[in-house]
Amino acid sequence: MESNQLFRETVRAIALGDAERAKQLDAQIPDADRSSYFVFLSAVMAGAVDHHFQDDHSRDAIAKFVNELRYEYRKANPPIKPLAIETVLRAFFGEDHLLDEVTSEDQMLAAYPVIRSIAYRSEHMRDNLDKYLDDAEMLARQWVGE
């Protein structure tokens, strides 16, 4: 499977809550493509975050969302890292200096529950998932080109 298609199918599985398929697909991503996958995953998360927080991206709104994630994923193994997730979310809204305190691995791990939760909550996102993935591909290309 071509890398971009593999990225798309992996994130589709994440968004739709098929964790087992997401793990299988993720295992197929070559180490050489990991940084490209990270950029794509970040671009998908940017679209999801923009959609979810379009009306209110205040610190309170972000903290409320993170607390809801903490509850939704209370039995996750490994457990989610709420502070890393909050930091990543705040970075999308201009506090990108905070990312200096979060490893790229933790940033990637933050993306999974965020994308899944927003897609679960949003019928619009689920119904338009291909468009979100298309937009993420374009955004990822822009970020790499900068």
Protein backbone atom coordinates (compact mmCIF):
# COMPACT_ATOMS: atom_id res chain seq x y z
CA MET A 1 0.00 0.00 0.00
CA GLU A 2 1.37 3.45 -0.93
CA SER A 3 2.39 5.52 2.11
CA ASN A 4 -0.22 8.26 1.72
CA GLN A 5 -2.97 5.66 1.32
CA LEU A 6 -1.63 3.78 4.34
CA PHE A 7 -1.63 7.02 6.36
CA ARG A 8 -5.22 7.72 5.31
CA GLU A 9 -6.45 4.22 6.15
CA THR A 10 -4.69 4.28 9.52
CA VAL A 11 -6.24 7.61 10.48
CA ARG A 12 -9.62 6.50 9.12
CA ALA A 13 -9.49 3.50 11.46
CA ILE A 14 -8.54 5.79 14.36
CA ALA A 15 -11.36 8.23 13.61
CA LEU A 16 -13.93 5.46 13.30
CA GLY A 17 -12.82 3.72 16.48
CA ASP A 18 -11.35 0.59 14.93
CA ALA A 19 -8.33 0.43 17.22
CA GLU A 20 -7.29 -3.06 16.19
CA ARG A 21 -7.19 -2.15 12.49
CA ALA A 22 -5.40 1.11 13.31
CA LYS A 23 -2.70 -0.84 15.19
CA GLN A 24 -2.30 -3.29 12.31
CA LEU A 25 -2.00 -0.50 9.76
CA ASP A 26 0.30 1.55 11.95
CA ALA A 27 2.65 -1.43 12.20
CA GLN A 28 2.94 -1.39 8.40
CA ILE A 29 4.21 2.19 8.24
CA PRO A 30 7.93 2.02 7.46
CA ASP A 31 10.29 3.76 9.87
CA ALA A 32 11.44 5.95 6.97
CA ASP A 33 7.89 7.31 6.63
CA ARG A 34 7.25 7.99 10.34
CA SER A 35 8.01 11.70 10.15
CA SER A 36 5.70 12.09 7.13
CA TYR A 37 2.99 10.19 9.00
CA PHE A 38 3.44 12.48 12.01
CA VAL A 39 2.93 15.54 9.79
CA PHE A 40 -0.18 13.99 8.20
CA LEU A 41 -1.59 12.96 11.58
CA SER A 42 -0.99 16.48 12.90
CA ALA A 43 -2.77 17.93 9.88
CA VAL A 44 -5.79 15.67 10.44
CA MET A 45 -5.83 16.69 14.08
CA ALA A 46 -5.67 20.36 13.05
CA GLY A 47 -8.83 19.91 10.96
CA ALA A 48 -10.61 18.04 13.73
CA VAL A 49 -9.59 20.56 16.37
CA ASP A 50 -10.60 23.48 14.18
CA HIS A 51 -14.00 21.86 13.64
CA HIS A 52 -14.58 21.03 17.30
CA PHE A 53 -13.38 24.31 18.77
CA GLN A 54 -14.69 26.61 16.04
CA ASP A 55 -17.01 28.45 18.44
CA ASP A 56 -14.81 28.49 21.53
CA HIS A 57 -11.12 27.68 21.83
CA SER A 58 -10.60 29.30 25.22
CA ARG A 59 -8.46 27.64 27.85
CA ASP A 60 -11.66 26.67 29.68
CA ALA A 61 -13.10 24.99 26.57
CA ILE A 62 -9.85 23.10 26.01
CA ALA A 63 -9.63 22.07 29.67
CA LYS A 64 -13.25 20.85 29.57
CA PHE A 65 -12.53 18.77 26.47
CA VAL A 66 -9.38 17.29 28.05
CA ASN A 67 -11.32 16.39 31.20
CA GLU A 68 -13.93 14.66 29.06
CA LEU A 69 -11.13 12.74 27.30
CA ARG A 70 -9.68 11.80 30.66
CA TYR A 71 -13.03 10.23 31.53
CA GLU A 72 -13.58 8.62 28.11
CA TYR A 73 -10.13 7.03 28.20
CA ARG A 74 -9.97 6.28 31.93
CA LYS A 75 -9.32 2.60 31.21
CA ALA A 76 -6.86 3.12 28.35
CA ASN A 77 -3.67 1.14 28.46
CA PRO A 78 -1.34 2.91 28.23
CA PRO A 79 -3.17 5.81 29.87
CA ILE A 80 -3.56 9.07 27.99
CA LYS A 81 -1.47 12.06 29.04
CA PRO A 82 -3.94 14.88 29.66
CA LEU A 83 -1.28 17.58 30.08
CA ALA A 84 0.33 16.64 26.78
CA ILE A 85 -3.06 16.69 25.08
CA GLU A 86 -3.92 20.09 26.53
CA THR A 87 -0.54 21.44 25.46
CA VAL A 88 -0.98 20.18 21.90
CA LEU A 89 -4.48 21.64 21.70
CA ARG A 90 -3.34 25.01 23.01
CA ALA A 91 -0.52 24.99 20.48
CA PHE A 92 -3.07 24.88 17.66
CA PHE A 93 -4.42 28.17 18.94
CA GLY A 94 -1.17 30.09 19.11
CA GLU A 95 0.65 28.77 22.16
CA ASP A 96 3.03 26.67 20.07
CA HIS A 97 5.96 27.53 22.36
CA LEU A 98 4.43 25.02 24.78
CA LEU A 99 5.34 22.18 22.41
CA ASP A 100 8.95 22.50 23.53
CA GLU A 101 7.86 20.61 26.65
CA VAL A 102 6.16 17.71 24.80
CA THR A 103 8.06 15.04 22.91
CA SER A 104 7.05 14.30 19.33
CA GLU A 105 6.01 10.82 20.49
CA ASP A 106 3.66 12.30 23.09
CA GLN A 107 2.33 14.72 20.48
CA MET A 108 1.55 11.78 18.23
CA LEU A 109 -0.06 9.83 21.06
CA ALA A 110 -2.17 12.89 21.88
CA ALA A 111 -3.56 12.91 18.34
CA TYR A 112 -5.20 9.50 18.57
CA PRO A 113 -7.78 10.14 21.31
CA VAL A 114 -8.38 13.70 20.08
CA ILE A 115 -9.18 12.59 16.53
CA ARG A 116 -11.24 9.64 17.75
CA SER A 117 -13.25 11.64 20.24
CA ILE A 118 -14.00 14.51 17.89
CA ALA A 119 -15.01 12.13 15.09
CA TYR A 120 -17.20 10.18 17.53
CA ARG A 121 -18.93 13.37 18.65
CA SER A 122 -19.33 14.83 15.17
CA GLU A 123 -21.55 13.21 12.59
CA HIS A 124 -20.38 15.94 10.21
CA MET A 125 -16.77 14.85 10.55
CA ARG A 126 -17.61 11.16 10.12
CA ASP A 127 -19.76 11.91 7.06
CA ASN A 128 -17.02 14.08 5.55
CA LEU A 129 -14.01 12.08 6.65
CA ASP A 130 -12.60 11.79 3.12
CA LYS A 131 -12.67 15.58 2.77
CA TYR A 132 -10.92 15.97 6.12
CA LEU A 133 -8.25 13.50 4.96
CA ASP A 134 -7.91 15.30 1.59
CA ASP A 135 -7.54 18.64 3.36
CA ALA A 136 -4.97 17.11 5.72
CA GLU A 137 -2.91 15.87 2.78
CA MET A 138 -2.87 19.38 1.31
CA LEU A 139 -1.99 20.95 4.66
CA ALA A 140 0.76 18.41 5.29
CA ARG A 141 2.27 19.19 1.87
CA GLN A 142 2.19 22.92 2.73
CA TRP A 143 3.85 22.34 6.10
CA VAL A 144 6.60 20.22 4.55
CA GLY A 145 7.13 22.84 1.84
CA GLU A 146 7.64 25.66 4.34
